[in-house]
Amino acid sequence: MAVSRNCPMRIVVRDLDAPFDDSPVEYIEWVCESLGIVTGRDVNKTAITLFRVIVEKSDYRYGISSTDLAEELSMSRGAVINQLNKLIECGLIRKSGRNYTLRGGNLTRTMMEIREDFDRLFERLEKAATYMDNCFGFPRENNIYKKL
């Protein structure tokens, strides 16, 4: 499932240690932090809490509405929508009608789709790099790496 070009995906990847405890909640937090969802301003980790509730409470076919999420978390609907947009931007969830669901229907498929997004982006970056190498006269082979 491709990300809409009207809403470019923000790609952030942080190589963090996986949780020590075998806890699904800690793994959800680790995934969110690894994908750069938590920012310095989100000290309460609202986006992570929201994502956890979406995973736990939504029906994979129908999702959960922003109103239901706001009630579940005792937050304003506006604040919830702000965090939902962050999760959409990171590629974890999608909006379907009035509801929000995991982008791939489950966590595994969602991660696979995010990986596919990365692959497509890096293919385009590599093509651009090849073009720039040609423009600037860099050799096709890099002899420095051959020595290593």
N, C-alpha and C. Protein backbone atom coordinates (compact mmCIF):
# COMPACT_ATOMS: atom_id res chain seq x y z
N MET A 1 0.85 -1.16 0.00
CA MET A 1 0.00 0.00 0.00
C MET A 1 0.90 1.23 0.00
N ALA A 2 0.82 2.03 -0.99
CA ALA A 2 1.67 3.20 -1.12
C ALA A 2 1.15 4.34 -0.25
N VAL A 3 2.08 5.17 0.17
CA VAL A 3 1.73 6.34 0.94
C VAL A 3 1.31 7.43 -0.03
N SER A 4 0.26 8.14 0.29
CA SER A 4 -0.23 9.20 -0.57
C SER A 4 0.84 10.25 -0.77
N ARG A 5 0.99 10.73 -1.99
CA ARG A 5 1.96 11.79 -2.28
C ARG A 5 1.51 13.11 -1.69
N ASN A 6 0.24 13.25 -1.33
CA ASN A 6 -0.24 14.48 -0.69
C ASN A 6 0.26 14.58 0.74
N CYS A 7 0.63 13.46 1.31
CA CYS A 7 1.11 13.42 2.69
C CYS A 7 2.43 12.65 2.69
N PRO A 8 3.55 13.35 2.43
CA PRO A 8 4.81 12.63 2.35
C PRO A 8 5.15 11.96 3.67
N MET A 9 5.75 10.80 3.54
CA MET A 9 6.12 10.03 4.72
C MET A 9 7.39 10.60 5.32
N ARG A 10 7.41 10.76 6.61
CA ARG A 10 8.60 11.21 7.32
C ARG A 10 9.35 9.96 7.75
N ILE A 11 10.56 9.82 7.27
CA ILE A 11 11.32 8.61 7.56
C ILE A 11 12.41 8.93 8.57
N VAL A 12 12.29 8.32 9.72
CA VAL A 12 13.29 8.42 10.77
C VAL A 12 13.50 7.01 11.30
N VAL A 13 14.75 6.61 11.39
CA VAL A 13 15.03 5.30 11.96
C VAL A 13 16.14 5.47 12.99
N ARG A 14 15.88 4.99 14.16
CA ARG A 14 16.87 5.04 15.23
C ARG A 14 17.17 3.61 15.65
N ASP A 15 18.45 3.29 15.74
CA ASP A 15 18.88 1.95 16.13
C ASP A 15 18.95 1.88 17.65
N LEU A 16 17.86 1.46 18.25
CA LEU A 16 17.75 1.39 19.70
C LEU A 16 17.75 -0.07 20.15
N ASP A 17 18.20 -0.30 21.35
CA ASP A 17 18.16 -1.66 21.90
C ASP A 17 16.72 -2.08 22.13
N ALA A 18 16.42 -3.32 21.79
CA ALA A 18 15.09 -3.86 22.02
C ALA A 18 14.84 -3.95 23.53
N PRO A 19 13.58 -3.99 23.92
CA PRO A 19 13.26 -4.07 25.35
C PRO A 19 13.86 -5.32 25.99
N PHE A 20 14.23 -5.17 27.24
CA PHE A 20 14.77 -6.29 27.99
C PHE A 20 13.65 -7.23 28.41
N ASP A 21 12.54 -6.63 28.85
CA ASP A 21 11.39 -7.43 29.28
C ASP A 21 10.59 -7.89 28.07
N ASP A 22 9.99 -9.05 28.19
CA ASP A 22 9.18 -9.61 27.12
C ASP A 22 7.75 -9.10 27.27
N SER A 23 7.57 -7.80 26.99
CA SER A 23 6.28 -7.15 27.19
C SER A 23 5.81 -6.53 25.88
N PRO A 24 4.60 -6.87 25.42
CA PRO A 24 4.09 -6.26 24.19
C PRO A 24 4.02 -4.74 24.27
N VAL A 25 3.69 -4.21 25.42
CA VAL A 25 3.60 -2.76 25.58
C VAL A 25 4.98 -2.12 25.39
N GLU A 26 6.02 -2.75 25.96
CA GLU A 26 7.37 -2.21 25.79
C GLU A 26 7.84 -2.33 24.34
N TYR A 27 7.43 -3.39 23.66
CA TYR A 27 7.79 -3.54 22.25
C TYR A 27 7.10 -2.49 21.39
N ILE A 28 5.85 -2.15 21.70
CA ILE A 28 5.16 -1.09 20.97
C ILE A 28 5.91 0.22 21.17
N GLU A 29 6.31 0.51 22.39
CA GLU A 29 7.07 1.73 22.66
C GLU A 29 8.39 1.73 21.89
N TRP A 30 9.07 0.58 21.86
CA TRP A 30 10.35 0.47 21.16
C TRP A 30 10.17 0.71 19.66
N VAL A 31 9.13 0.13 19.06
CA VAL A 31 8.87 0.35 17.63
C VAL A 31 8.64 1.83 17.37
N CYS A 32 7.81 2.45 18.17
CA CYS A 32 7.51 3.88 17.99
C CYS A 32 8.76 4.74 18.15
N GLU A 33 9.55 4.47 19.16
CA GLU A 33 10.77 5.24 19.36
C GLU A 33 11.78 4.98 18.25
N SER A 34 11.85 3.74 17.76
CA SER A 34 12.77 3.41 16.67
C SER A 34 12.38 4.12 15.38
N LEU A 35 11.10 4.38 15.20
CA LEU A 35 10.62 5.09 14.01
C LEU A 35 10.51 6.60 14.23
N GLY A 36 11.06 7.08 15.33
CA GLY A 36 11.16 8.51 15.56
C GLY A 36 9.85 9.21 15.85
N ILE A 37 8.89 8.48 16.40
CA ILE A 37 7.59 9.08 16.67
C ILE A 37 7.64 10.00 17.88
N VAL A 38 8.41 9.65 18.87
CA VAL A 38 8.51 10.47 20.07
C VAL A 38 9.48 11.61 19.81
N THR A 39 9.01 12.82 20.04
CA THR A 39 9.88 13.99 19.92
C THR A 39 10.06 14.59 21.31
N GLY A 40 10.96 15.51 21.40
CA GLY A 40 11.23 16.14 22.69
C GLY A 40 10.01 16.82 23.29
N ARG A 41 9.10 17.28 22.43
CA ARG A 41 7.91 17.96 22.92
C ARG A 41 6.88 17.01 23.49
N ASP A 42 6.91 15.75 23.08
CA ASP A 42 5.92 14.76 23.51
C ASP A 42 6.42 14.02 24.75
N VAL A 43 6.58 14.76 25.85
CA VAL A 43 7.14 14.18 27.07
C VAL A 43 6.26 13.10 27.66
N ASN A 44 4.97 13.15 27.40
CA ASN A 44 4.05 12.14 27.92
C ASN A 44 3.93 10.93 27.00
N LYS A 45 4.66 10.97 25.88
CA LYS A 45 4.64 9.88 24.89
C LYS A 45 3.20 9.59 24.45
N THR A 46 2.48 10.66 24.17
CA THR A 46 1.07 10.55 23.78
C THR A 46 0.90 9.73 22.51
N ALA A 47 1.78 9.93 21.52
CA ALA A 47 1.66 9.19 20.26
C ALA A 47 1.81 7.70 20.50
N ILE A 48 2.72 7.33 21.39
CA ILE A 48 2.92 5.90 21.69
C ILE A 48 1.68 5.34 22.37
N THR A 49 1.13 6.07 23.32
CA THR A 49 -0.07 5.62 24.01
C THR A 49 -1.22 5.47 23.03
N LEU A 50 -1.35 6.42 22.14
CA LEU A 50 -2.40 6.37 21.14
C LEU A 50 -2.22 5.16 20.22
N PHE A 51 -0.99 4.92 19.78
CA PHE A 51 -0.73 3.77 18.91
C PHE A 51 -1.04 2.47 19.65
N ARG A 52 -0.66 2.39 20.91
CA ARG A 52 -0.95 1.19 21.70
C ARG A 52 -2.45 0.94 21.77
N VAL A 53 -3.23 1.99 22.00
CA VAL A 53 -4.69 1.85 22.07
C VAL A 53 -5.24 1.41 20.72
N ILE A 54 -4.72 1.95 19.63
CA ILE A 54 -5.17 1.53 18.30
C ILE A 54 -4.89 0.05 18.11
N VAL A 55 -3.71 -0.40 18.50
CA VAL A 55 -3.37 -1.82 18.37
C VAL A 55 -4.29 -2.68 19.22
N GLU A 56 -4.53 -2.26 20.45
CA GLU A 56 -5.31 -3.07 21.38
C GLU A 56 -6.82 -3.03 21.11
N LYS A 57 -7.35 -1.88 20.72
CA LYS A 57 -8.80 -1.70 20.69
C LYS A 57 -9.42 -1.74 19.31
N SER A 58 -8.64 -1.52 18.27
CA SER A 58 -9.27 -1.42 16.97
C SER A 58 -9.50 -2.78 16.36
N ASP A 59 -10.58 -2.87 15.63
CA ASP A 59 -10.88 -4.05 14.83
C ASP A 59 -10.10 -3.88 13.53
N TYR A 60 -9.31 -4.87 13.16
CA TYR A 60 -8.43 -4.70 12.00
C TYR A 60 -9.19 -4.37 10.71
N ARG A 61 -10.48 -4.70 10.67
CA ARG A 61 -11.26 -4.39 9.47
C ARG A 61 -11.86 -3.00 9.52
N TYR A 62 -12.26 -2.56 10.70
CA TYR A 62 -13.00 -1.32 10.81
C TYR A 62 -12.25 -0.20 11.51
N GLY A 63 -11.28 -0.53 12.32
CA GLY A 63 -10.52 0.49 13.02
C GLY A 63 -11.27 1.09 14.19
N ILE A 64 -10.83 2.27 14.57
CA ILE A 64 -11.41 2.97 15.71
C ILE A 64 -11.45 4.46 15.38
N SER A 65 -12.49 5.13 15.82
CA SER A 65 -12.65 6.56 15.47
C SER A 65 -11.82 7.44 16.40
N SER A 66 -11.56 8.66 15.93
CA SER A 66 -10.84 9.62 16.76
C SER A 66 -11.65 9.99 18.00
N THR A 67 -12.97 9.99 17.87
CA THR A 67 -13.84 10.28 19.02
C THR A 67 -13.68 9.19 20.08
N ASP A 68 -13.71 7.92 19.66
CA ASP A 68 -13.53 6.82 20.61
C ASP A 68 -12.15 6.86 21.25
N LEU A 69 -11.14 7.20 20.46
CA LEU A 69 -9.78 7.30 21.01
C LEU A 69 -9.69 8.43 22.03
N ALA A 70 -10.31 9.56 21.72
CA ALA A 70 -10.30 10.70 22.64
C ALA A 70 -10.98 10.34 23.96
N GLU A 71 -12.10 9.63 23.87
CA GLU A 71 -12.79 9.20 25.09
C GLU A 71 -11.94 8.21 25.87
N GLU A 72 -11.34 7.25 25.18
CA GLU A 72 -10.50 6.23 25.83
C GLU A 72 -9.33 6.84 26.58
N LEU A 73 -8.74 7.90 26.00
CA LEU A 73 -7.54 8.51 26.58
C LEU A 73 -7.83 9.78 27.38
N SER A 74 -9.10 10.16 27.47
CA SER A 74 -9.49 11.40 28.16
C SER A 74 -8.71 12.60 27.61
N MET A 75 -8.70 12.70 26.31
CA MET A 75 -8.02 13.80 25.62
C MET A 75 -9.02 14.50 24.72
N SER A 76 -8.67 15.71 24.30
CA SER A 76 -9.52 16.39 23.33
C SER A 76 -9.37 15.70 21.98
N ARG A 77 -10.41 15.75 21.19
CA ARG A 77 -10.37 15.13 19.87
C ARG A 77 -9.30 15.79 19.00
N GLY A 78 -9.13 17.10 19.15
CA GLY A 78 -8.11 17.83 18.38
C GLY A 78 -6.70 17.33 18.70
N ALA A 79 -6.43 17.11 19.99
CA ALA A 79 -5.11 16.60 20.39
C ALA A 79 -4.89 15.20 19.84
N VAL A 80 -5.95 14.39 19.86
CA VAL A 80 -5.85 13.02 19.33
C VAL A 80 -5.56 13.07 17.83
N ILE A 81 -6.28 13.91 17.10
CA ILE A 81 -6.09 14.00 15.65
C ILE A 81 -4.66 14.47 15.32
N ASN A 82 -4.13 15.38 16.12
CA ASN A 82 -2.75 15.82 15.92
C ASN A 82 -1.78 14.64 16.02
N GLN A 83 -1.97 13.79 17.02
CA GLN A 83 -1.10 12.63 17.19
C GLN A 83 -1.37 11.57 16.11
N LEU A 84 -2.62 11.41 15.70
CA LEU A 84 -2.95 10.48 14.62
C LEU A 84 -2.24 10.87 13.33
N ASN A 85 -2.20 12.16 13.06
CA ASN A 85 -1.51 12.63 11.85
C ASN A 85 -0.02 12.29 11.91
N LYS A 86 0.56 12.35 13.09
CA LYS A 86 1.96 11.97 13.26
C LYS A 86 2.16 10.48 12.95
N LEU A 87 1.23 9.66 13.42
CA LEU A 87 1.31 8.21 13.17
C LEU A 87 1.08 7.87 11.70
N ILE A 88 0.23 8.63 11.03
CA ILE A 88 0.02 8.45 9.59
C ILE A 88 1.29 8.84 8.85
N GLU A 89 1.87 9.96 9.24
CA GLU A 89 3.09 10.45 8.60
C GLU A 89 4.23 9.45 8.71
N CYS A 90 4.28 8.72 9.81
CA CYS A 90 5.32 7.71 10.02
C CYS A 90 4.99 6.38 9.35
N GLY A 91 3.80 6.26 8.81
CA GLY A 91 3.43 5.07 8.08
C GLY A 91 2.86 3.94 8.92
N LEU A 92 2.56 4.19 10.19
CA LEU A 92 2.06 3.12 11.05
C LEU A 92 0.56 2.88 10.93
N ILE A 93 -0.19 3.95 10.70
CA ILE A 93 -1.64 3.80 10.61
C ILE A 93 -2.14 4.47 9.34
N ARG A 94 -3.41 4.21 9.03
CA ARG A 94 -4.06 4.87 7.91
C ARG A 94 -5.48 5.22 8.33
N LYS A 95 -6.02 6.21 7.64
CA LYS A 95 -7.40 6.61 7.90
C LYS A 95 -8.27 5.95 6.84
N SER A 96 -9.33 5.33 7.30
CA SER A 96 -10.27 4.69 6.39
C SER A 96 -11.66 5.21 6.77
N GLY A 97 -12.15 6.15 5.98
CA GLY A 97 -13.42 6.79 6.34
C GLY A 97 -13.21 7.64 7.58
N ARG A 98 -13.97 7.35 8.62
CA ARG A 98 -13.84 8.09 9.89
C ARG A 98 -12.97 7.37 10.90
N ASN A 99 -12.48 6.19 10.53
CA ASN A 99 -11.73 5.37 11.48
C ASN A 99 -10.26 5.25 11.11
N TYR A 100 -9.49 4.83 12.09
CA TYR A 100 -8.05 4.65 11.94
C TYR A 100 -7.70 3.20 12.21
N THR A 101 -6.86 2.63 11.35
CA THR A 101 -6.45 1.24 11.50
C THR A 101 -4.95 1.13 11.31
N LEU A 102 -4.42 -0.01 11.71
CA LEU A 102 -3.03 -0.30 11.37
C LEU A 102 -2.91 -0.28 9.85
N ARG A 103 -1.85 0.27 9.36
CA ARG A 103 -1.70 0.44 7.92
C ARG A 103 -1.80 -0.88 7.17
N GLY A 104 -1.18 -1.92 7.67
CA GLY A 104 -1.19 -3.19 6.98
C GLY A 104 -2.22 -4.17 7.51
N GLY A 105 -3.04 -3.75 8.44
CA GLY A 105 -4.04 -4.65 9.02
C GLY A 105 -3.54 -5.38 10.24
N ASN A 106 -2.24 -5.61 10.31
CA ASN A 106 -1.61 -6.16 11.51
C ASN A 106 -0.21 -5.58 11.61
N LEU A 107 0.46 -5.83 12.70
CA LEU A 107 1.76 -5.21 12.93
C LEU A 107 2.83 -5.71 11.96
N THR A 108 2.83 -7.01 11.69
CA THR A 108 3.84 -7.56 10.79
C THR A 108 3.72 -6.96 9.40
N ARG A 109 2.52 -6.96 8.86
CA ARG A 109 2.32 -6.41 7.51
C ARG A 109 2.62 -4.92 7.48
N THR A 110 2.30 -4.20 8.55
CA THR A 110 2.61 -2.78 8.63
C THR A 110 4.12 -2.55 8.53
N MET A 111 4.89 -3.34 9.27
CA MET A 111 6.36 -3.21 9.21
C MET A 111 6.88 -3.57 7.82
N MET A 112 6.28 -4.57 7.18
CA MET A 112 6.70 -4.95 5.83
C MET A 112 6.44 -3.80 4.84
N GLU A 113 5.31 -3.13 4.99
CA GLU A 113 4.99 -2.03 4.09
C GLU A 113 5.93 -0.84 4.31
N ILE A 114 6.27 -0.58 5.56
CA ILE A 114 7.23 0.49 5.84
C ILE A 114 8.59 0.15 5.23
N ARG A 115 9.00 -1.11 5.34
CA ARG A 115 10.27 -1.52 4.72
C ARG A 115 10.22 -1.32 3.20
N GLU A 116 9.10 -1.66 2.58
CA GLU A 116 8.95 -1.45 1.14
C GLU A 116 9.07 0.03 0.79
N ASP A 117 8.51 0.91 1.64
CA ASP A 117 8.66 2.35 1.43
C ASP A 117 10.13 2.75 1.46
N PHE A 118 10.87 2.23 2.44
CA PHE A 118 12.29 2.52 2.54
C PHE A 118 13.02 2.06 1.29
N ASP A 119 12.73 0.85 0.84
CA ASP A 119 13.39 0.30 -0.35
C ASP A 119 13.14 1.19 -1.57
N ARG A 120 11.88 1.61 -1.75
CA ARG A 120 11.56 2.48 -2.90
C ARG A 120 12.30 3.80 -2.80
N LEU A 121 12.33 4.38 -1.62
CA LEU A 121 13.02 5.66 -1.44
C LEU A 121 14.51 5.52 -1.73
N PHE A 122 15.14 4.46 -1.19
CA PHE A 122 16.58 4.31 -1.39
C PHE A 122 16.93 3.96 -2.83
N GLU A 123 16.03 3.30 -3.55
CA GLU A 123 16.26 3.09 -4.98
C GLU A 123 16.32 4.43 -5.70
N ARG A 124 15.39 5.33 -5.37
CA ARG A 124 15.40 6.66 -5.99
C ARG A 124 16.63 7.45 -5.59
N LEU A 125 17.05 7.34 -4.32
CA LEU A 125 18.25 8.05 -3.87
C LEU A 125 19.50 7.53 -4.56
N GLU A 126 19.58 6.22 -4.75
CA GLU A 126 20.73 5.64 -5.45
C GLU A 126 20.78 6.09 -6.91
N LYS A 127 19.63 6.16 -7.56
CA LYS A 127 19.60 6.65 -8.94
C LYS A 127 20.05 8.10 -9.00
N ALA A 128 19.60 8.90 -8.05
CA ALA A 128 20.02 10.30 -8.01
C ALA A 128 21.53 10.40 -7.75
N ALA A 129 22.04 9.54 -6.87
CA ALA A 129 23.48 9.56 -6.58
C ALA A 129 24.30 9.17 -7.81
N THR A 130 23.83 8.18 -8.56
CA THR A 130 24.51 7.77 -9.79
C THR A 130 24.52 8.92 -10.79
N TYR A 131 23.40 9.58 -10.92
CA TYR A 131 23.31 10.73 -11.82
C TYR A 131 24.30 11.80 -11.40
N MET A 132 24.35 12.12 -10.10
CA MET A 132 25.26 13.16 -9.61
C MET A 132 26.72 12.74 -9.77
N ASP A 133 27.03 11.45 -9.52
CA ASP A 133 28.40 10.96 -9.74
C ASP A 133 28.82 11.20 -11.18
N ASN A 134 27.92 10.90 -12.13
CA ASN A 134 28.21 11.12 -13.55
C ASN A 134 28.42 12.60 -13.83
N CYS A 135 27.57 13.44 -13.27
CA CYS A 135 27.68 14.89 -13.49
C CYS A 135 28.99 15.46 -12.95
N PHE A 136 29.43 14.96 -11.81
CA PHE A 136 30.64 15.49 -11.19
C PHE A 136 31.90 14.71 -11.58
N GLY A 137 31.75 13.70 -12.43
CA GLY A 137 32.90 12.97 -12.94
C GLY A 137 33.52 11.98 -11.97
N PHE A 138 32.74 11.53 -10.97
CA PHE A 138 33.28 10.52 -10.06
C PHE A 138 33.35 9.18 -10.79
N PRO A 139 34.38 8.38 -10.48
CA PRO A 139 34.47 7.07 -11.14
C PRO A 139 33.35 6.15 -10.68
N ARG A 140 32.96 5.24 -11.55
CA ARG A 140 31.90 4.29 -11.20
C ARG A 140 32.34 3.36 -10.08
N GLU A 141 33.58 2.94 -10.13
CA GLU A 141 34.12 2.04 -9.10
C GLU A 141 34.81 2.89 -8.04
N ASN A 142 34.64 2.52 -6.80
CA ASN A 142 35.33 3.24 -5.72
C ASN A 142 36.45 2.35 -5.22
N ASN A 143 37.66 2.66 -5.62
CA ASN A 143 38.82 1.83 -5.27
C ASN A 143 39.15 1.85 -3.78
N ILE A 144 38.71 2.87 -3.08
CA ILE A 144 38.98 2.95 -1.64
C ILE A 144 38.34 1.75 -0.94
N TYR A 145 37.11 1.42 -1.29
CA TYR A 145 36.42 0.32 -0.62
C TYR A 145 36.96 -1.03 -1.04
N LYS A 146 37.54 -1.13 -2.21
CA LYS A 146 38.12 -2.40 -2.64
C LYS A 146 39.30 -2.79 -1.77
N LYS A 147 40.03 -1.81 -1.24
CA LYS A 147 41.21 -2.07 -0.41
C LYS A 147 40.82 -2.58 0.97
N LEU A 148 39.64 -2.22 1.42
CA LEU A 148 39.19 -2.64 2.75
C LEU A 148 38.78 -4.05 2.68
